[in-house]
């Protein structure tokens, strides 16, 4: 099946995930917030790798750094590592069932948290809360639904 490019859907979904990541939440809920921007970037890297290259992912990460007042390059590096691994494994990853994809993404997000912990440790900044280690589990639960939602929206826009 040939799928058309849907740039409006791609940028709208990225903007929504970006907004979700920037909106202020209470501290206890903020720690449990999944890295939704990484999940949306992962979807678009898997579905349209020629349109969601590593350069664009890096720029999205830099925008996230600027919007969240974090260390410049923190989110950019984290998103770039996730997108780079997905670019390398794209041909195999796409043919796994969605629940296996979800498990692999959860492991990648735990590795992402380890990178974040190392970056914060090198700066002498303490890691936020212990609850943050539960956010990849929420991402594990969200991925199948997010994948189906974005995939169905892409299929609806196919004929237009």
N, C-alpha and C. Protein backbone atom coordinates (compact mmCIF):
# COMPACT_ATOMS: atom_id res chain seq x y z
N UNK A 1 0.84 -1.16 0.00
CA UNK A 1 0.00 0.00 0.00
C UNK A 1 0.89 1.24 0.00
N UNK A 2 0.63 2.14 -0.91
CA UNK A 2 1.39 3.38 -1.00
C UNK A 2 0.72 4.42 -0.11
N UNK A 3 1.53 5.03 0.73
CA UNK A 3 1.02 6.05 1.62
C UNK A 3 1.55 7.40 1.18
N UNK A 4 0.65 8.37 1.15
CA UNK A 4 1.06 9.72 0.80
C UNK A 4 1.66 10.40 2.01
N UNK A 5 2.48 11.38 1.73
CA UNK A 5 3.05 12.19 2.80
C UNK A 5 1.96 13.11 3.35
N UNK A 6 1.93 13.23 4.65
CA UNK A 6 0.95 14.09 5.31
C UNK A 6 1.70 15.09 6.20
N UNK A 7 2.27 16.14 5.61
CA UNK A 7 3.07 17.07 6.40
C UNK A 7 2.25 17.81 7.46
N UNK A 8 1.00 18.12 7.16
CA UNK A 8 0.18 18.83 8.15
C UNK A 8 -0.04 17.96 9.38
N UNK A 9 -0.36 16.70 9.16
CA UNK A 9 -0.55 15.77 10.28
C UNK A 9 0.76 15.59 11.05
N UNK A 10 1.87 15.45 10.34
CA UNK A 10 3.16 15.26 10.99
C UNK A 10 3.48 16.44 11.91
N UNK A 11 3.39 17.66 11.38
CA UNK A 11 3.77 18.83 12.18
C UNK A 11 2.73 19.13 13.26
N UNK A 12 1.47 18.84 13.00
CA UNK A 12 0.45 19.03 14.03
C UNK A 12 0.63 18.05 15.19
N UNK A 13 0.96 16.81 14.88
CA UNK A 13 1.19 15.83 15.95
C UNK A 13 2.45 16.17 16.74
N UNK A 14 3.49 16.63 16.06
CA UNK A 14 4.71 17.05 16.76
C UNK A 14 4.45 18.27 17.64
N UNK A 15 3.66 19.23 17.12
CA UNK A 15 3.34 20.42 17.92
C UNK A 15 2.50 20.06 19.14
N UNK A 16 1.57 19.12 18.99
CA UNK A 16 0.76 18.68 20.12
C UNK A 16 1.62 18.00 21.18
N UNK A 17 2.51 17.13 20.76
CA UNK A 17 3.41 16.45 21.71
C UNK A 17 4.35 17.45 22.36
N UNK A 18 4.82 18.42 21.58
CA UNK A 18 5.69 19.47 22.11
C UNK A 18 4.96 20.27 23.18
N UNK A 19 3.72 20.62 22.90
CA UNK A 19 2.91 21.38 23.86
C UNK A 19 2.67 20.56 25.12
N UNK A 20 2.41 19.27 24.97
CA UNK A 20 2.22 18.39 26.12
C UNK A 20 3.46 18.36 27.00
N UNK A 21 4.63 18.39 26.38
CA UNK A 21 5.87 18.34 27.14
C UNK A 21 6.18 19.66 27.84
N UNK A 22 5.70 20.78 27.31
CA UNK A 22 6.03 22.09 27.84
C UNK A 22 5.01 22.56 28.90
N UNK A 23 3.78 22.09 28.79
CA UNK A 23 2.76 22.53 29.74
C UNK A 23 3.15 22.21 31.18
N UNK A 24 2.91 23.14 32.09
CA UNK A 24 3.27 22.87 33.49
C UNK A 24 2.29 21.89 34.13
N UNK A 25 2.84 20.92 34.82
CA UNK A 25 2.08 19.94 35.58
C UNK A 25 2.52 20.03 37.02
N UNK A 26 1.72 19.53 37.96
CA UNK A 26 2.21 19.43 39.34
C UNK A 26 3.46 18.54 39.39
N UNK A 27 4.30 18.76 40.39
CA UNK A 27 5.57 18.04 40.47
C UNK A 27 5.40 16.53 40.44
N UNK A 28 4.44 16.01 41.19
CA UNK A 28 4.27 14.56 41.25
C UNK A 28 3.79 14.00 39.91
N UNK A 29 2.99 14.78 39.18
CA UNK A 29 2.49 14.32 37.89
C UNK A 29 3.53 14.57 36.79
N UNK A 30 4.31 15.60 36.95
CA UNK A 30 5.35 15.92 35.97
C UNK A 30 6.39 14.82 35.90
N UNK A 31 6.68 14.21 37.04
CA UNK A 31 7.67 13.12 37.06
C UNK A 31 7.17 11.89 36.31
N UNK A 32 5.87 11.69 36.28
CA UNK A 32 5.31 10.52 35.59
C UNK A 32 5.01 10.79 34.11
N UNK A 33 5.20 12.03 33.67
CA UNK A 33 4.88 12.39 32.28
C UNK A 33 5.79 11.61 31.33
N UNK A 34 5.19 10.85 30.41
CA UNK A 34 6.02 10.12 29.45
C UNK A 34 6.65 11.09 28.45
N UNK A 35 7.73 10.68 27.86
CA UNK A 35 8.43 11.49 26.87
C UNK A 35 7.66 11.36 25.56
N UNK A 36 6.49 12.00 25.52
CA UNK A 36 5.57 11.87 24.40
C UNK A 36 6.19 12.37 23.10
N UNK A 37 7.00 13.40 23.19
CA UNK A 37 7.65 13.92 21.98
C UNK A 37 8.53 12.84 21.35
N UNK A 38 9.20 12.05 22.17
CA UNK A 38 10.03 10.96 21.64
C UNK A 38 9.17 9.90 20.96
N UNK A 39 7.99 9.63 21.51
CA UNK A 39 7.10 8.64 20.89
C UNK A 39 6.59 9.12 19.54
N UNK A 40 6.22 10.39 19.46
CA UNK A 40 5.73 10.93 18.18
C UNK A 40 6.86 10.98 17.16
N UNK A 41 8.04 11.41 17.60
CA UNK A 41 9.20 11.41 16.70
C UNK A 41 9.49 9.98 16.25
N UNK A 42 9.39 9.03 17.15
CA UNK A 42 9.64 7.63 16.79
C UNK A 42 8.66 7.17 15.71
N UNK A 43 7.39 7.53 15.85
CA UNK A 43 6.41 7.14 14.84
C UNK A 43 6.79 7.69 13.47
N UNK A 44 7.12 8.98 13.44
CA UNK A 44 7.41 9.61 12.14
C UNK A 44 8.75 9.15 11.58
N UNK A 45 9.69 8.81 12.42
CA UNK A 45 10.96 8.25 11.94
C UNK A 45 10.70 6.89 11.30
N UNK A 46 9.82 6.11 11.89
CA UNK A 46 9.51 4.78 11.34
C UNK A 46 8.70 4.87 10.06
N UNK A 47 7.76 5.79 9.99
CA UNK A 47 6.86 5.86 8.85
C UNK A 47 7.40 6.70 7.70
N UNK A 48 8.09 7.79 7.98
CA UNK A 48 8.62 8.66 6.92
C UNK A 48 10.06 9.05 7.25
N UNK A 49 10.98 8.10 7.15
CA UNK A 49 12.37 8.42 7.52
C UNK A 49 13.00 9.47 6.61
N UNK A 50 12.54 9.57 5.36
CA UNK A 50 13.10 10.58 4.47
C UNK A 50 12.63 11.98 4.84
N UNK A 51 11.51 12.10 5.49
CA UNK A 51 10.98 13.42 5.90
C UNK A 51 11.36 13.76 7.34
N UNK A 52 11.65 12.76 8.16
CA UNK A 52 12.00 13.00 9.56
C UNK A 52 13.43 12.50 9.77
N UNK A 53 14.35 13.22 9.19
CA UNK A 53 15.75 12.86 9.31
C UNK A 53 16.33 13.29 10.64
N UNK A 54 17.58 12.94 10.85
CA UNK A 54 18.23 13.24 12.12
C UNK A 54 18.44 14.74 12.32
N UNK A 55 18.62 15.47 11.25
CA UNK A 55 18.76 16.92 11.36
C UNK A 55 17.50 17.58 11.89
N UNK A 56 16.36 17.17 11.38
CA UNK A 56 15.09 17.72 11.88
C UNK A 56 14.84 17.30 13.33
N UNK A 57 15.18 16.07 13.64
CA UNK A 57 15.01 15.60 15.02
C UNK A 57 15.88 16.42 15.97
N UNK A 58 17.11 16.72 15.54
CA UNK A 58 18.01 17.53 16.36
C UNK A 58 17.43 18.93 16.56
N UNK A 59 16.88 19.53 15.51
CA UNK A 59 16.27 20.86 15.64
C UNK A 59 15.05 20.84 16.55
N UNK A 60 14.25 19.80 16.46
CA UNK A 60 13.09 19.68 17.35
C UNK A 60 13.56 19.58 18.79
N UNK A 61 14.63 18.82 19.03
CA UNK A 61 15.19 18.72 20.37
C UNK A 61 15.73 20.04 20.87
N UNK A 62 16.39 20.81 20.00
CA UNK A 62 16.88 22.13 20.40
C UNK A 62 15.72 23.08 20.75
N UNK A 63 14.65 23.01 19.97
CA UNK A 63 13.46 23.81 20.30
C UNK A 63 12.89 23.42 21.65
N UNK A 64 12.90 22.13 21.94
CA UNK A 64 12.41 21.65 23.23
C UNK A 64 13.31 22.15 24.35
N UNK A 65 14.62 22.17 24.13
CA UNK A 65 15.55 22.69 25.12
C UNK A 65 15.27 24.16 25.41
N UNK A 66 15.05 24.93 24.35
CA UNK A 66 14.79 26.35 24.52
C UNK A 66 13.45 26.59 25.22
N UNK A 67 12.45 25.82 24.88
CA UNK A 67 11.12 26.01 25.47
C UNK A 67 11.05 25.56 26.92
N UNK A 68 11.85 24.56 27.29
CA UNK A 68 11.78 24.04 28.65
C UNK A 68 12.88 24.59 29.55
N UNK A 69 13.70 25.50 29.02
CA UNK A 69 14.79 26.13 29.78
C UNK A 69 15.75 25.09 30.36
N UNK A 70 15.97 24.03 29.64
CA UNK A 70 16.92 23.02 30.09
C UNK A 70 18.27 23.28 29.44
N UNK A 71 19.25 22.48 29.80
CA UNK A 71 20.57 22.61 29.23
C UNK A 71 20.48 22.48 27.71
N UNK A 72 21.08 23.42 27.00
CA UNK A 72 21.00 23.42 25.55
C UNK A 72 21.65 22.15 24.98
N UNK A 73 20.88 21.37 24.29
CA UNK A 73 21.35 20.13 23.70
C UNK A 73 20.91 18.89 24.45
N UNK A 74 20.30 19.06 25.63
CA UNK A 74 19.89 17.90 26.43
C UNK A 74 18.81 17.08 25.71
N UNK A 75 17.71 17.72 25.38
CA UNK A 75 16.64 17.01 24.67
C UNK A 75 17.07 16.65 23.25
N UNK A 76 17.88 17.52 22.65
CA UNK A 76 18.35 17.25 21.29
C UNK A 76 19.16 15.96 21.25
N UNK A 77 20.06 15.79 22.20
CA UNK A 77 20.86 14.57 22.25
C UNK A 77 19.98 13.35 22.52
N UNK A 78 19.07 13.48 23.46
CA UNK A 78 18.21 12.36 23.80
C UNK A 78 17.35 11.93 22.61
N UNK A 79 16.72 12.91 21.93
CA UNK A 79 15.90 12.57 20.76
C UNK A 79 16.75 12.02 19.62
N UNK A 80 17.95 12.57 19.47
CA UNK A 80 18.83 12.12 18.41
C UNK A 80 19.27 10.67 18.62
N UNK A 81 19.55 10.29 19.85
CA UNK A 81 19.92 8.90 20.13
C UNK A 81 18.76 7.94 19.82
N UNK A 82 17.57 8.31 20.24
CA UNK A 82 16.39 7.47 19.99
C UNK A 82 16.13 7.36 18.49
N UNK A 83 16.15 8.51 17.80
CA UNK A 83 15.88 8.50 16.35
C UNK A 83 16.98 7.78 15.58
N UNK A 84 18.22 7.92 16.01
CA UNK A 84 19.32 7.24 15.33
C UNK A 84 19.20 5.74 15.43
N UNK A 85 18.87 5.25 16.61
CA UNK A 85 18.69 3.80 16.79
C UNK A 85 17.52 3.30 15.94
N UNK A 86 16.43 4.08 15.92
CA UNK A 86 15.28 3.67 15.12
C UNK A 86 15.58 3.71 13.63
N UNK A 87 16.38 4.69 13.19
CA UNK A 87 16.77 4.73 11.78
C UNK A 87 17.57 3.48 11.41
N UNK A 88 18.46 3.06 12.30
CA UNK A 88 19.27 1.88 12.03
C UNK A 88 18.44 0.60 12.02
N UNK A 89 17.45 0.51 12.89
CA UNK A 89 16.69 -0.72 13.04
C UNK A 89 15.31 -0.66 12.38
N UNK A 90 15.06 0.36 11.59
CA UNK A 90 13.74 0.61 11.04
C UNK A 90 13.18 -0.58 10.28
N UNK A 91 13.97 -1.20 9.43
CA UNK A 91 13.45 -2.28 8.60
C UNK A 91 12.99 -3.48 9.42
N UNK A 92 13.67 -3.76 10.52
CA UNK A 92 13.25 -4.87 11.39
C UNK A 92 12.15 -4.43 12.34
N UNK A 93 12.28 -3.24 12.89
CA UNK A 93 11.36 -2.75 13.93
C UNK A 93 9.92 -2.67 13.44
N UNK A 94 9.73 -2.24 12.19
CA UNK A 94 8.38 -2.04 11.67
C UNK A 94 7.58 -3.33 11.54
N UNK A 95 8.27 -4.46 11.45
CA UNK A 95 7.55 -5.72 11.25
C UNK A 95 7.27 -6.48 12.53
N UNK A 96 7.70 -5.93 13.66
CA UNK A 96 7.35 -6.52 14.95
C UNK A 96 5.91 -6.15 15.29
N UNK A 97 5.23 -6.99 16.05
CA UNK A 97 3.90 -6.59 16.53
C UNK A 97 4.01 -5.33 17.39
N UNK A 98 2.94 -4.61 17.49
CA UNK A 98 2.95 -3.32 18.19
C UNK A 98 3.34 -3.49 19.65
N UNK A 99 2.95 -4.57 20.30
CA UNK A 99 3.30 -4.73 21.71
C UNK A 99 4.80 -4.96 21.88
N UNK A 100 5.44 -5.62 20.90
CA UNK A 100 6.90 -5.78 20.96
C UNK A 100 7.60 -4.46 20.67
N UNK A 101 7.05 -3.69 19.74
CA UNK A 101 7.59 -2.35 19.50
C UNK A 101 7.51 -1.52 20.78
N UNK A 102 6.39 -1.64 21.46
CA UNK A 102 6.18 -0.90 22.70
C UNK A 102 7.21 -1.29 23.76
N UNK A 103 7.49 -2.57 23.87
CA UNK A 103 8.50 -3.03 24.83
C UNK A 103 9.89 -2.53 24.48
N UNK A 104 10.22 -2.55 23.19
CA UNK A 104 11.52 -2.05 22.77
C UNK A 104 11.64 -0.56 23.03
N UNK A 105 10.57 0.19 22.75
CA UNK A 105 10.60 1.63 23.04
C UNK A 105 10.71 1.90 24.54
N UNK A 106 10.09 1.06 25.35
CA UNK A 106 10.22 1.23 26.79
C UNK A 106 11.68 1.05 27.21
N UNK A 107 12.34 0.04 26.67
CA UNK A 107 13.75 -0.16 26.98
C UNK A 107 14.60 1.01 26.50
N UNK A 108 14.27 1.54 25.33
CA UNK A 108 15.00 2.70 24.82
C UNK A 108 14.78 3.92 25.72
N UNK A 109 13.58 4.07 26.24
CA UNK A 109 13.30 5.21 27.12
C UNK A 109 13.98 5.05 28.48
N UNK A 110 14.15 3.82 28.94
CA UNK A 110 14.94 3.60 30.16
C UNK A 110 16.41 3.94 29.90
N UNK A 111 16.92 3.57 28.73
CA UNK A 111 18.29 3.96 28.38
C UNK A 111 18.40 5.48 28.26
N UNK A 112 17.34 6.10 27.75
CA UNK A 112 17.30 7.55 27.65
C UNK A 112 17.36 8.19 29.04
N UNK A 113 16.64 7.62 29.99
CA UNK A 113 16.69 8.15 31.36
C UNK A 113 18.07 7.95 31.98
N UNK A 114 18.74 6.86 31.63
CA UNK A 114 20.10 6.65 32.12
C UNK A 114 21.05 7.71 31.55
N UNK A 115 20.86 8.05 30.26
CA UNK A 115 21.67 9.12 29.66
C UNK A 115 21.37 10.45 30.34
N UNK A 116 20.10 10.72 30.60
CA UNK A 116 19.72 11.95 31.30
C UNK A 116 20.34 11.99 32.69
N UNK A 117 20.31 10.86 33.39
CA UNK A 117 20.90 10.79 34.72
C UNK A 117 22.40 11.07 34.67
N UNK A 118 23.08 10.50 33.69
CA UNK A 118 24.52 10.73 33.55
C UNK A 118 24.82 12.19 33.20
N UNK A 119 24.00 12.79 32.34
CA UNK A 119 24.19 14.20 32.01
C UNK A 119 24.00 15.08 33.23
N UNK A 120 22.95 14.81 33.99
CA UNK A 120 22.71 15.61 35.20
C UNK A 120 23.77 15.36 36.25
N UNK A 121 24.26 14.14 36.35
CA UNK A 121 25.31 13.81 37.30
C UNK A 121 26.60 14.55 36.97
N UNK A 122 26.93 14.64 35.69
CA UNK A 122 28.15 15.34 35.28
C UNK A 122 28.07 16.84 35.52
N UNK A 123 26.84 17.36 35.58
CA UNK A 123 26.65 18.79 35.85
C UNK A 123 26.53 19.08 37.33
N UNK A 124 26.38 18.06 38.13
CA UNK A 124 26.19 18.25 39.56
C UNK A 124 24.76 18.59 39.92
N UNK A 125 23.85 18.38 38.99
CA UNK A 125 22.42 18.65 39.21
C UNK A 125 21.75 17.34 39.59
N UNK A 126 20.97 17.35 40.69
CA UNK A 126 20.30 16.09 41.07
C UNK A 126 19.18 15.74 40.09
N UNK A 127 18.96 14.45 39.95
CA UNK A 127 17.84 13.96 39.13
C UNK A 127 16.56 14.35 39.85
N UNK A 128 15.54 14.65 39.09
CA UNK A 128 14.30 15.16 39.67
C UNK A 128 13.72 14.26 40.75
N UNK A 129 12.89 13.34 40.42
CA UNK A 129 12.25 12.48 41.40
C UNK A 129 12.41 11.02 40.99
N UNK A 130 12.21 10.17 41.96
CA UNK A 130 12.31 8.74 41.69
C UNK A 130 11.17 8.26 40.79
N UNK A 131 10.05 8.99 40.81
CA UNK A 131 8.89 8.59 40.01
C UNK A 131 9.17 8.65 38.51
N UNK A 132 10.18 9.41 38.12
CA UNK A 132 10.47 9.56 36.70
C UNK A 132 10.79 8.21 36.05
N UNK A 133 11.25 7.26 36.85
CA UNK A 133 11.59 5.94 36.32
C UNK A 133 10.34 5.14 35.96
N UNK A 134 9.15 5.64 36.32
CA UNK A 134 7.90 4.98 35.93
C UNK A 134 7.34 5.50 34.61
N UNK A 135 7.88 6.60 34.10
CA UNK A 135 7.34 7.17 32.87
C UNK A 135 7.52 6.28 31.64
N UNK A 136 8.60 5.50 31.50
CA UNK A 136 8.66 4.59 30.35
C UNK A 136 7.56 3.52 30.37
N UNK A 137 7.09 3.15 31.55
CA UNK A 137 5.99 2.18 31.62
C UNK A 137 4.72 2.81 31.04
N UNK A 138 4.49 4.10 31.34
CA UNK A 138 3.34 4.78 30.73
C UNK A 138 3.52 4.89 29.22
N UNK A 139 4.73 5.13 28.78
CA UNK A 139 4.99 5.18 27.34
C UNK A 139 4.71 3.81 26.70
N UNK A 140 5.05 2.73 27.43
CA UNK A 140 4.77 1.38 26.97
C UNK A 140 3.26 1.20 26.74
N UNK A 141 2.46 1.76 27.63
CA UNK A 141 1.01 1.64 27.52
C UNK A 141 0.43 2.57 26.46
N UNK A 142 1.07 3.70 26.23
CA UNK A 142 0.56 4.70 25.28
C UNK A 142 0.90 4.35 23.84
N UNK A 143 2.08 3.74 23.60
CA UNK A 143 2.55 3.53 22.23
C UNK A 143 1.55 2.82 21.31
N UNK A 144 0.94 1.71 21.70
CA UNK A 144 0.00 1.07 20.75
C UNK A 144 -1.14 1.98 20.35
N UNK A 145 -1.68 2.73 21.30
CA UNK A 145 -2.79 3.63 21.00
C UNK A 145 -2.34 4.81 20.14
N UNK A 146 -1.19 5.35 20.45
CA UNK A 146 -0.65 6.47 19.66
C UNK A 146 -0.34 6.01 18.24
N UNK A 147 0.25 4.83 18.11
CA UNK A 147 0.58 4.30 16.80
C UNK A 147 -0.69 4.11 15.96
N UNK A 148 -1.71 3.51 16.57
CA UNK A 148 -2.95 3.27 15.83
C UNK A 148 -3.64 4.59 15.46
N UNK A 149 -3.62 5.55 16.38
CA UNK A 149 -4.25 6.85 16.11
C UNK A 149 -3.57 7.55 14.94
N UNK A 150 -2.26 7.68 15.00
CA UNK A 150 -1.55 8.37 13.93
C UNK A 150 -1.63 7.60 12.61
N UNK A 151 -1.58 6.28 12.68
CA UNK A 151 -1.68 5.48 11.47
C UNK A 151 -3.06 5.62 10.82
N UNK A 152 -4.10 5.60 11.63
CA UNK A 152 -5.45 5.78 11.08
C UNK A 152 -5.65 7.17 10.50
N UNK A 153 -5.10 8.19 11.15
CA UNK A 153 -5.20 9.54 10.60
C UNK A 153 -4.44 9.65 9.28
N UNK A 154 -3.31 8.97 9.17
CA UNK A 154 -2.56 8.97 7.91
C UNK A 154 -3.35 8.26 6.82
N UNK A 155 -4.00 7.14 7.15
CA UNK A 155 -4.77 6.41 6.16
C UNK A 155 -5.98 7.21 5.69
N UNK A 156 -6.60 7.97 6.58
CA UNK A 156 -7.73 8.80 6.20
C UNK A 156 -7.30 9.91 5.23
N UNK A 157 -6.10 10.41 5.41
CA UNK A 157 -5.61 11.47 4.55
C UNK A 157 -5.00 10.96 3.27
N UNK A 158 -4.98 9.64 3.08
CA UNK A 158 -4.34 9.05 1.92
C UNK A 158 -5.01 9.45 0.62
N UNK A 159 -6.31 9.50 0.62
CA UNK A 159 -7.03 9.80 -0.62
C UNK A 159 -7.12 11.28 -0.94
N UNK A 160 -6.68 12.12 -0.05
CA UNK A 160 -6.82 13.56 -0.28
C UNK A 160 -5.65 14.16 -0.99
